[in-house]
Structures are given as C-alpha cells and as structure tokens.
Amino acid sequence: MARGHQKIQSQQKNAKKQADMKKAKGHDQKTAAKAALVFTCAVCKSQMPDPKTFKQHFESKHPKSPLPPELEGVEA
C-alpha cells in the first residue's frame, strides 16, 4: 500500500502547487481597473470609476442632454 500513500502525497503537492500559481497570477491590474469602472454613461456607453468623474464627463461631453437622476446630488 505504499503506492497509495505516495499517490495522496502527490495529489496534495500538486493541489498546493496549483493554488500557489493561481495566487501569484491573481493580481492583475487590468482586471482590477475594469472592476473599478462602475458608472456607465447612458449616452456614449463610456465607463467611469466614480460619480464625480461621471458628472464632469456628462457636463462636458453631453451638455444638451438632461442630467441623469443618479447625478443630481453629486458635487463635481
């Protein structure tokens, strides 16, 4: 039954190796930046990270369009 024990050890070692590789690869700036873009302009579909930037964008790029209700109380 020595081979059974070696097989279990090999599986555990491989699982640890895979977890370490996934952990090292997990921090990607591109995906983190994409996740931070939470506000989307209804007119041009561009994405912004915060409401202040969104309001500045909307006022400069779409001055004739009415301001969306989610931007009413935001100070730019």
PDB file of N, CA and C in Angstrom:
ATOM      1  N   MET A   1       0.813  -1.200   0.000  1.00  0.00           N
ATOM      2  CA  MET A   1       0.000   0.000   0.000  1.00  0.00           C
ATOM      3  C   MET A   1       0.856   1.264   0.000  1.00  0.00           C
ATOM      4  N   ALA A   2       2.131   1.115  -0.236  1.00  0.00           N
ATOM      5  CA  ALA A   2       2.998   2.286  -0.247  1.00  0.00           C
ATOM      6  C   ALA A   2       2.617   3.222  -1.391  1.00  0.00           C
ATOM      7  N   ARG A   3       2.226   2.654  -2.510  1.00  0.00           N
ATOM      8  CA  ARG A   3       1.885   3.491  -3.670  1.00  0.00           C
ATOM      9  C   ARG A   3       0.654   4.352  -3.387  1.00  0.00           C
ATOM     10  N   GLY A   4      -0.300   3.863  -2.636  1.00  0.00           N
ATOM     11  CA  GLY A   4      -1.495   4.638  -2.291  1.00  0.00           C
ATOM     12  C   GLY A   4      -1.135   5.890  -1.511  1.00  0.00           C
ATOM     13  N   HIS A   5      -0.203   5.747  -0.581  1.00  0.00           N
ATOM     14  CA  HIS A   5       0.241   6.892   0.218  1.00  0.00           C
ATOM     15  C   HIS A   5       0.986   7.898  -0.654  1.00  0.00           C
ATOM     16  N   GLN A   6       1.816   7.408  -1.542  1.00  0.00           N
ATOM     17  CA  GLN A   6       2.559   8.287  -2.451  1.00  0.00           C
ATOM     18  C   GLN A   6       1.606   9.041  -3.382  1.00  0.00           C
ATOM     19  N   LYS A   7       0.562   8.373  -3.801  1.00  0.00           N
ATOM     20  CA  LYS A   7      -0.421   8.991  -4.686  1.00  0.00           C
ATOM     21  C   LYS A   7      -1.121  10.152  -3.985  1.00  0.00           C
ATOM     22  N   ILE A   8      -1.510   9.949  -2.749  1.00  0.00           N
ATOM     23  CA  ILE A   8      -2.165  11.007  -1.963  1.00  0.00           C
ATOM     24  C   ILE A   8      -1.213  12.180  -1.758  1.00  0.00           C
ATOM     25  N   GLN A   9       0.048  11.887  -1.435  1.00  0.00           N
ATOM     26  CA  GLN A   9       1.037  12.952  -1.260  1.00  0.00           C
ATOM     27  C   GLN A   9       1.238  13.729  -2.552  1.00  0.00           C
ATOM     28  N   SER A  10       1.286  13.020  -3.659  1.00  0.00           N
ATOM     29  CA  SER A  10       1.463  13.662  -4.962  1.00  0.00           C
ATOM     30  C   SER A  10       0.272  14.562  -5.299  1.00  0.00           C
ATOM     31  N   GLN A  11      -0.919  14.100  -5.004  1.00  0.00           N
ATOM     32  CA  GLN A  11      -2.113  14.908  -5.251  1.00  0.00           C
ATOM     33  C   GLN A  11      -2.118  16.171  -4.390  1.00  0.00           C
ATOM     34  N   GLN A  12      -1.733  16.039  -3.119  1.00  0.00           N
ATOM     35  CA  GLN A  12      -1.678  17.190  -2.223  1.00  0.00           C
ATOM     36  C   GLN A  12      -0.622  18.193  -2.687  1.00  0.00           C
ATOM     37  N   LYS A  13       0.512  17.682  -3.116  1.00  0.00           N
ATOM     38  CA  LYS A  13       1.590  18.547  -3.596  1.00  0.00           C
ATOM     39  C   LYS A  13       1.149  19.298  -4.857  1.00  0.00           C
ATOM     40  N   ASN A  14       0.489  18.594  -5.756  1.00  0.00           N
ATOM     41  CA  ASN A  14       0.009  19.221  -6.982  1.00  0.00           C
ATOM     42  C   ASN A  14      -1.063  20.266  -6.683  1.00  0.00           C
ATOM     43  N   ALA A  15      -1.971  19.989  -5.762  1.00  0.00           N
ATOM     44  CA  ALA A  15      -3.011  20.951  -5.403  1.00  0.00           C
ATOM     45  C   ALA A  15      -2.396  22.215  -4.810  1.00  0.00           C
ATOM     46  N   LYS A  16      -1.374  22.044  -3.972  1.00  0.00           N
ATOM     47  CA  LYS A  16      -0.687  23.188  -3.374  1.00  0.00           C
ATOM     48  C   LYS A  16       0.019  24.010  -4.451  1.00  0.00           C
ATOM     49  N   LYS A  17       0.653  23.315  -5.389  1.00  0.00           N
ATOM     50  CA  LYS A  17       1.351  23.995  -6.484  1.00  0.00           C
ATOM     51  C   LYS A  17       0.370  24.788  -7.352  1.00  0.00           C
ATOM     52  N   GLN A  18      -0.766  24.197  -7.664  1.00  0.00           N
ATOM     53  CA  GLN A  18      -1.779  24.875  -8.466  1.00  0.00           C
ATOM     54  C   GLN A  18      -2.340  26.099  -7.734  1.00  0.00           C
ATOM     55  N   ALA A  19      -2.561  25.971  -6.422  1.00  0.00           N
ATOM     56  CA  ALA A  19      -3.070  27.092  -5.629  1.00  0.00           C
ATOM     57  C   ALA A  19      -2.059  28.230  -5.580  1.00  0.00           C
ATOM     58  N   ASP A  20      -0.781  27.888  -5.442  1.00  0.00           N
ATOM     59  CA  ASP A  20       0.266  28.913  -5.419  1.00  0.00           C
ATOM     60  C   ASP A  20       0.358  29.632  -6.763  1.00  0.00           C
ATOM     61  N   MET A  21       0.231  28.894  -7.848  1.00  0.00           N
ATOM     62  CA  MET A  21       0.284  29.512  -9.168  1.00  0.00           C
ATOM     63  C   MET A  21      -0.914  30.439  -9.383  1.00  0.00           C
ATOM     64  N   LYS A  22      -2.080  30.009  -8.938  1.00  0.00           N
ATOM     65  CA  LYS A  22      -3.289  30.819  -9.086  1.00  0.00           C
ATOM     66  C   LYS A  22      -3.187  32.077  -8.233  1.00  0.00           C
ATOM     67  N   LYS A  23      -2.628  31.931  -7.049  1.00  0.00           N
ATOM     68  CA  LYS A  23      -2.472  33.062  -6.135  1.00  0.00           C
ATOM     69  C   LYS A  23      -1.487  34.083  -6.709  1.00  0.00           C
ATOM     70  N   ALA A  24      -0.407  33.631  -7.285  1.00  0.00           N
ATOM     71  CA  ALA A  24       0.598  34.524  -7.856  1.00  0.00           C
ATOM     72  C   ALA A  24       0.060  35.231  -9.096  1.00  0.00           C
ATOM     73  N   LYS A  25      -0.783  34.558  -9.833  1.00  0.00           N
ATOM     74  CA  LYS A  25      -1.336  35.115 -11.063  1.00  0.00           C
ATOM     75  C   LYS A  25      -2.566  35.984 -10.787  1.00  0.00           C
ATOM     76  N   GLY A  26      -3.141  35.909  -9.614  1.00  0.00           N
ATOM     77  CA  GLY A  26      -4.414  36.540  -9.300  1.00  0.00           C
ATOM     78  C   GLY A  26      -4.429  38.056  -9.344  1.00  0.00           C
ATOM     79  N   HIS A  27      -3.317  38.732  -9.099  1.00  0.00           N
ATOM     80  CA  HIS A  27      -3.305  40.182  -9.048  1.00  0.00           C
ATOM     81  C   HIS A  27      -2.972  40.748 -10.426  1.00  0.00           C
ATOM     82  N   ASP A  28      -4.005  41.096 -11.139  1.00  0.00           N
ATOM     83  CA  ASP A  28      -3.843  41.628 -12.485  1.00  0.00           C
ATOM     84  C   ASP A  28      -4.402  43.046 -12.501  1.00  0.00           C
ATOM     85  N   GLN A  29      -3.603  44.006 -12.884  1.00  0.00           N
ATOM     86  CA  GLN A  29      -4.031  45.398 -12.868  1.00  0.00           C
ATOM     87  C   GLN A  29      -5.162  45.661 -13.857  1.00  0.00           C
ATOM     88  N   LYS A  30      -5.133  44.977 -14.960  1.00  0.00           N
ATOM     89  CA  LYS A  30      -6.154  45.205 -15.979  1.00  0.00           C
ATOM     90  C   LYS A  30      -7.541  44.802 -15.476  1.00  0.00           C
ATOM     91  N   THR A  31      -7.646  43.649 -14.846  1.00  0.00           N
ATOM     92  CA  THR A  31      -8.945  43.203 -14.343  1.00  0.00           C
ATOM     93  C   THR A  31      -9.377  44.043 -13.148  1.00  0.00           C
ATOM     94  N   ALA A  32      -8.421  44.476 -12.326  1.00  0.00           N
ATOM     95  CA  ALA A  32      -8.762  45.325 -11.193  1.00  0.00           C
ATOM     96  C   ALA A  32      -9.287  46.678 -11.675  1.00  0.00           C
ATOM     97  N   ALA A  33      -8.676  47.230 -12.696  1.00  0.00           N
ATOM     98  CA  ALA A  33      -9.127  48.509 -13.247  1.00  0.00           C
ATOM     99  C   ALA A  33     -10.506  48.371 -13.883  1.00  0.00           C
ATOM    100  N   LYS A  34     -10.731  47.260 -14.543  1.00  0.00           N
ATOM    101  CA  LYS A  34     -12.019  47.029 -15.181  1.00  0.00           C
ATOM    102  C   LYS A  34     -13.126  46.886 -14.128  1.00  0.00           C
ATOM    103  N   ALA A  35     -12.809  46.272 -13.013  1.00  0.00           N
ATOM    104  CA  ALA A  35     -13.782  46.105 -11.941  1.00  0.00           C
ATOM    105  C   ALA A  35     -14.109  47.430 -11.271  1.00  0.00           C
ATOM    106  N   ALA A  36     -13.173  48.385 -11.312  1.00  0.00           N
ATOM    107  CA  ALA A  36     -13.387  49.679 -10.673  1.00  0.00           C
ATOM    108  C   ALA A  36     -14.298  50.584 -11.493  1.00  0.00           C
ATOM    109  N   LEU A  37     -14.491  50.290 -12.768  1.00  0.00           N
ATOM    110  CA  LEU A  37     -15.342  51.112 -13.623  1.00  0.00           C
ATOM    111  C   LEU A  37     -16.798  50.713 -13.417  1.00  0.00           C
ATOM    112  N   VAL A  38     -17.479  51.420 -12.507  1.00  0.00           N
ATOM    113  CA  VAL A  38     -18.823  51.017 -12.131  1.00  0.00           C
ATOM    114  C   VAL A  38     -19.919  51.892 -12.728  1.00  0.00           C
ATOM    115  N   PHE A  39     -19.604  53.115 -13.154  1.00  0.00           N
ATOM    116  CA  PHE A  39     -20.604  54.003 -13.718  1.00  0.00           C
ATOM    117  C   PHE A  39     -20.484  54.012 -15.240  1.00  0.00           C
ATOM    118  N   THR A  40     -21.616  53.854 -15.924  1.00  0.00           N
ATOM    119  CA  THR A  40     -21.629  53.832 -17.379  1.00  0.00           C
ATOM    120  C   THR A  40     -22.519  54.947 -17.895  1.00  0.00           C
ATOM    121  N   CYS A  41     -21.982  55.725 -18.821  1.00  0.00           N
ATOM    122  CA  CYS A  41     -22.729  56.819 -19.430  1.00  0.00           C
ATOM    123  C   CYS A  41     -23.809  56.230 -20.337  1.00  0.00           C
ATOM    124  N   ALA A  42     -25.039  56.695 -20.172  1.00  0.00           N
ATOM    125  CA  ALA A  42     -26.143  56.179 -20.971  1.00  0.00           C
ATOM    126  C   ALA A  42     -26.085  56.668 -22.410  1.00  0.00           C
ATOM    127  N   VAL A  43     -25.424  57.786 -22.653  1.00  0.00           N
ATOM    128  CA  VAL A  43     -25.373  58.366 -23.991  1.00  0.00           C
ATOM    129  C   VAL A  43     -24.283  57.710 -24.836  1.00  0.00           C
ATOM    130  N   CYS A  44     -23.045  57.676 -24.326  1.00  0.00           N
ATOM    131  CA  CYS A  44     -21.920  57.181 -25.133  1.00  0.00           C
ATOM    132  C   CYS A  44     -21.363  55.849 -24.652  1.00  0.00           C
ATOM    133  N   LYS A  45     -21.905  55.297 -23.575  1.00  0.00           N
ATOM    134  CA  LYS A  45     -21.515  53.992 -23.030  1.00  0.00           C
ATOM    135  C   LYS A  45     -20.074  53.929 -22.509  1.00  0.00           C
ATOM    136  N   SER A  46     -19.448  55.072 -22.255  1.00  0.00           N
ATOM    137  CA  SER A  46     -18.113  55.041 -21.648  1.00  0.00           C
ATOM    138  C   SER A  46     -18.262  54.818 -20.149  1.00  0.00           C
ATOM    139  N   GLN A  47     -17.234  54.245 -19.533  1.00  0.00           N
ATOM    140  CA  GLN A  47     -17.308  53.870 -18.129  1.00  0.00           C
ATOM    141  C   GLN A  47     -16.404  54.757 -17.289  1.00  0.00           C
ATOM    142  N   MET A  48     -16.871  55.091 -16.080  1.00  0.00           N
ATOM    143  CA  MET A  48     -16.132  55.923 -15.147  1.00  0.00           C
ATOM    144  C   MET A  48     -16.067  55.243 -13.777  1.00  0.00           C
ATOM    145  N   PRO A  49     -15.014  55.541 -13.002  1.00  0.00           N
ATOM    146  CA  PRO A  49     -14.857  54.869 -11.715  1.00  0.00           C
ATOM    147  C   PRO A  49     -15.686  55.461 -10.571  1.00  0.00           C
ATOM    148  N   ASP A  50     -16.016  56.751 -10.628  1.00  0.00           N
ATOM    149  CA  ASP A  50     -16.734  57.356  -9.501  1.00  0.00           C
ATOM    150  C   ASP A  50     -17.750  58.379 -10.009  1.00  0.00           C
ATOM    151  N   PRO A  51     -18.718  58.758  -9.170  1.00  0.00           N
ATOM    152  CA  PRO A  51     -19.774  59.674  -9.617  1.00  0.00           C
ATOM    153  C   PRO A  51     -19.273  61.084  -9.948  1.00  0.00           C
ATOM    154  N   LYS A  52     -18.230  61.538  -9.274  1.00  0.00           N
ATOM    155  CA  LYS A  52     -17.691  62.874  -9.550  1.00  0.00           C
ATOM    156  C   LYS A  52     -17.153  62.942 -10.987  1.00  0.00           C
ATOM    157  N   THR A  53     -16.384  61.972 -11.374  1.00  0.00           N
ATOM    158  CA  THR A  53     -15.851  61.907 -12.736  1.00  0.00           C
ATOM    159  C   THR A  53     -16.978  61.744 -13.747  1.00  0.00           C
ATOM    160  N   PHE A  54     -17.972  60.953 -13.382  1.00  0.00           N
ATOM    161  CA  PHE A  54     -19.118  60.738 -14.257  1.00  0.00           C
ATOM    162  C   PHE A  54     -19.857  62.043 -14.508  1.00  0.00           C
ATOM    163  N   LYS A  55     -20.063  62.838 -13.461  1.00  0.00           N
ATOM    164  CA  LYS A  55     -20.761  64.112 -13.610  1.00  0.00           C
ATOM    165  C   LYS A  55     -19.937  65.079 -14.457  1.00  0.00           C
ATOM    166  N   GLN A  56     -18.632  65.139 -14.235  1.00  0.00           N
ATOM    167  CA  GLN A  56     -17.773  66.008 -15.038  1.00  0.00           C
ATOM    168  C   GLN A  56     -17.828  65.596 -16.511  1.00  0.00           C
ATOM    169  N   HIS A  57     -17.782  64.303 -16.761  1.00  0.00           N
ATOM    170  CA  HIS A  57     -17.867  63.793 -18.127  1.00  0.00           C
ATOM    171  C   HIS A  57     -19.193  64.194 -18.753  1.00  0.00           C
ATOM    172  N   PHE A  58     -20.278  63.994 -18.018  1.00  0.00           N
ATOM    173  CA  PHE A  58     -21.595  64.256 -18.575  1.00  0.00           C
ATOM    174  C   PHE A  58     -21.784  65.731 -18.887  1.00  0.00           C
ATOM    175  N   GLU A  59     -21.295  66.603 -17.996  1.00  0.00           N
ATOM    176  CA  GLU A  59     -21.440  68.043 -18.217  1.00  0.00           C
ATOM    177  C   GLU A  59     -20.588  68.526 -19.383  1.00  0.00           C
ATOM    178  N   SER A  60     -19.423  67.949 -19.586  1.00  0.00           N
ATOM    179  CA  SER A  60     -18.550  68.414 -20.658  1.00  0.00           C
ATOM    180  C   SER A  60     -18.884  67.786 -22.014  1.00  0.00           C
ATOM    181  N   LYS A  61     -19.242  66.522 -22.026  1.00  0.00           N
ATOM    182  CA  LYS A  61     -19.469  65.825 -23.291  1.00  0.00           C
ATOM    183  C   LYS A  61     -20.914  65.873 -23.780  1.00  0.00           C
ATOM    184  N   HIS A  62     -21.855  65.966 -22.853  1.00  0.00           N
ATOM    185  CA  HIS A  62     -23.279  65.937 -23.219  1.00  0.00           C
ATOM    186  C   HIS A  62     -24.027  67.104 -22.555  1.00  0.00           C
ATOM    187  N   PRO A  63     -23.676  68.349 -22.860  1.00  0.00           N
ATOM    188  CA  PRO A  63     -24.298  69.486 -22.162  1.00  0.00           C
ATOM    189  C   PRO A  63     -25.778  69.674 -22.484  1.00  0.00           C
ATOM    190  N   LYS A  64     -26.223  69.224 -23.649  1.00  0.00           N
ATOM    191  CA  LYS A  64     -27.621  69.412 -24.027  1.00  0.00           C
ATOM    192  C   LYS A  64     -28.544  68.325 -23.468  1.00  0.00           C
ATOM    193  N   SER A  65     -27.990  67.222 -23.076  1.00  0.00           N
ATOM    194  CA  SER A  65     -28.785  66.125 -22.524  1.00  0.00           C
ATOM    195  C   SER A  65     -29.120  66.408 -21.071  1.00  0.00           C
ATOM    196  N   PRO A  66     -30.297  65.970 -20.623  1.00  0.00           N
ATOM    197  CA  PRO A  66     -30.637  66.165 -19.200  1.00  0.00           C
ATOM    198  C   PRO A  66     -29.762  65.288 -18.308  1.00  0.00           C
ATOM    199  N   LEU A  67     -29.453  65.816 -17.133  1.00  0.00           N
ATOM    200  CA  LEU A  67     -28.591  65.112 -16.186  1.00  0.00           C
ATOM    201  C   LEU A  67     -29.323  63.879 -15.632  1.00  0.00           C
ATOM    202  N   PRO A  68     -28.681  62.721 -15.602  1.00  0.00           N
ATOM    203  CA  PRO A  68     -29.331  61.524 -15.050  1.00  0.00           C
ATOM    204  C   PRO A  68     -29.659  61.714 -13.557  1.00  0.00           C
ATOM    205  N   PRO A  69     -30.699  61.067 -13.086  1.00  0.00           N
ATOM    206  CA  PRO A  69     -31.121  61.253 -11.683  1.00  0.00           C
ATOM    207  C   PRO A  69     -30.071  60.827 -10.661  1.00  0.00           C
ATOM    208  N   GLU A  70     -29.192  59.872 -11.008  1.00  0.00           N
ATOM    209  CA  GLU A  70     -28.170  59.429 -10.047  1.00  0.00           C
ATOM    210  C   GLU A  70     -27.067  60.466  -9.843  1.00  0.00           C
ATOM    211  N   LEU A  71     -27.035  61.507 -10.700  1.00  0.00           N
ATOM    212  CA  LEU A  71     -26.008  62.539 -10.578  1.00  0.00           C
ATOM    213  C   LEU A  71     -26.534  63.851  -9.999  1.00  0.00           C
ATOM    214  N   GLU A  72     -27.773  63.898  -9.596  1.00  0.00           N
ATOM    215  CA  GLU A  72     -28.383  65.134  -9.108  1.00  0.00           C
ATOM    216  C   GLU A  72     -27.686  65.697  -7.871  1.00  0.00           C
ATOM    217  N   GLY A  73     -27.356  64.892  -6.890  1.00  0.00           N
ATOM    218  CA  GLY A  73     -26.771  65.386  -5.639  1.00  0.00           C
ATOM    219  C   GLY A  73     -25.253  65.374  -5.613  1.00  0.00           C
ATOM    220  N   VAL A  74     -24.601  64.987  -6.687  1.00  0.00           N
ATOM    221  CA  VAL A  74     -23.159  64.842  -6.723  1.00  0.00           C
ATOM    222  C   VAL A  74     -22.501  66.198  -7.001  1.00  0.00           C
ATOM    223  N   GLU A  75     -21.467  66.525  -6.204  1.00  0.00           N
ATOM    224  CA  GLU A  75     -20.721  67.745  -6.437  1.00  0.00           C
ATOM    225  C   GLU A  75     -19.518  67.423  -7.309  1.00  0.00           C
ATOM    226  N   ALA A  76     -19.331  68.217  -8.365  1.00  0.00           N
ATOM    227  CA  ALA A  76     -18.210  67.972  -9.276  1.00  0.00           C
ATOM    228  C   ALA A  76     -17.001  68.805  -8.912  1.00  0.00           C
TER     229      ALA A  76
END
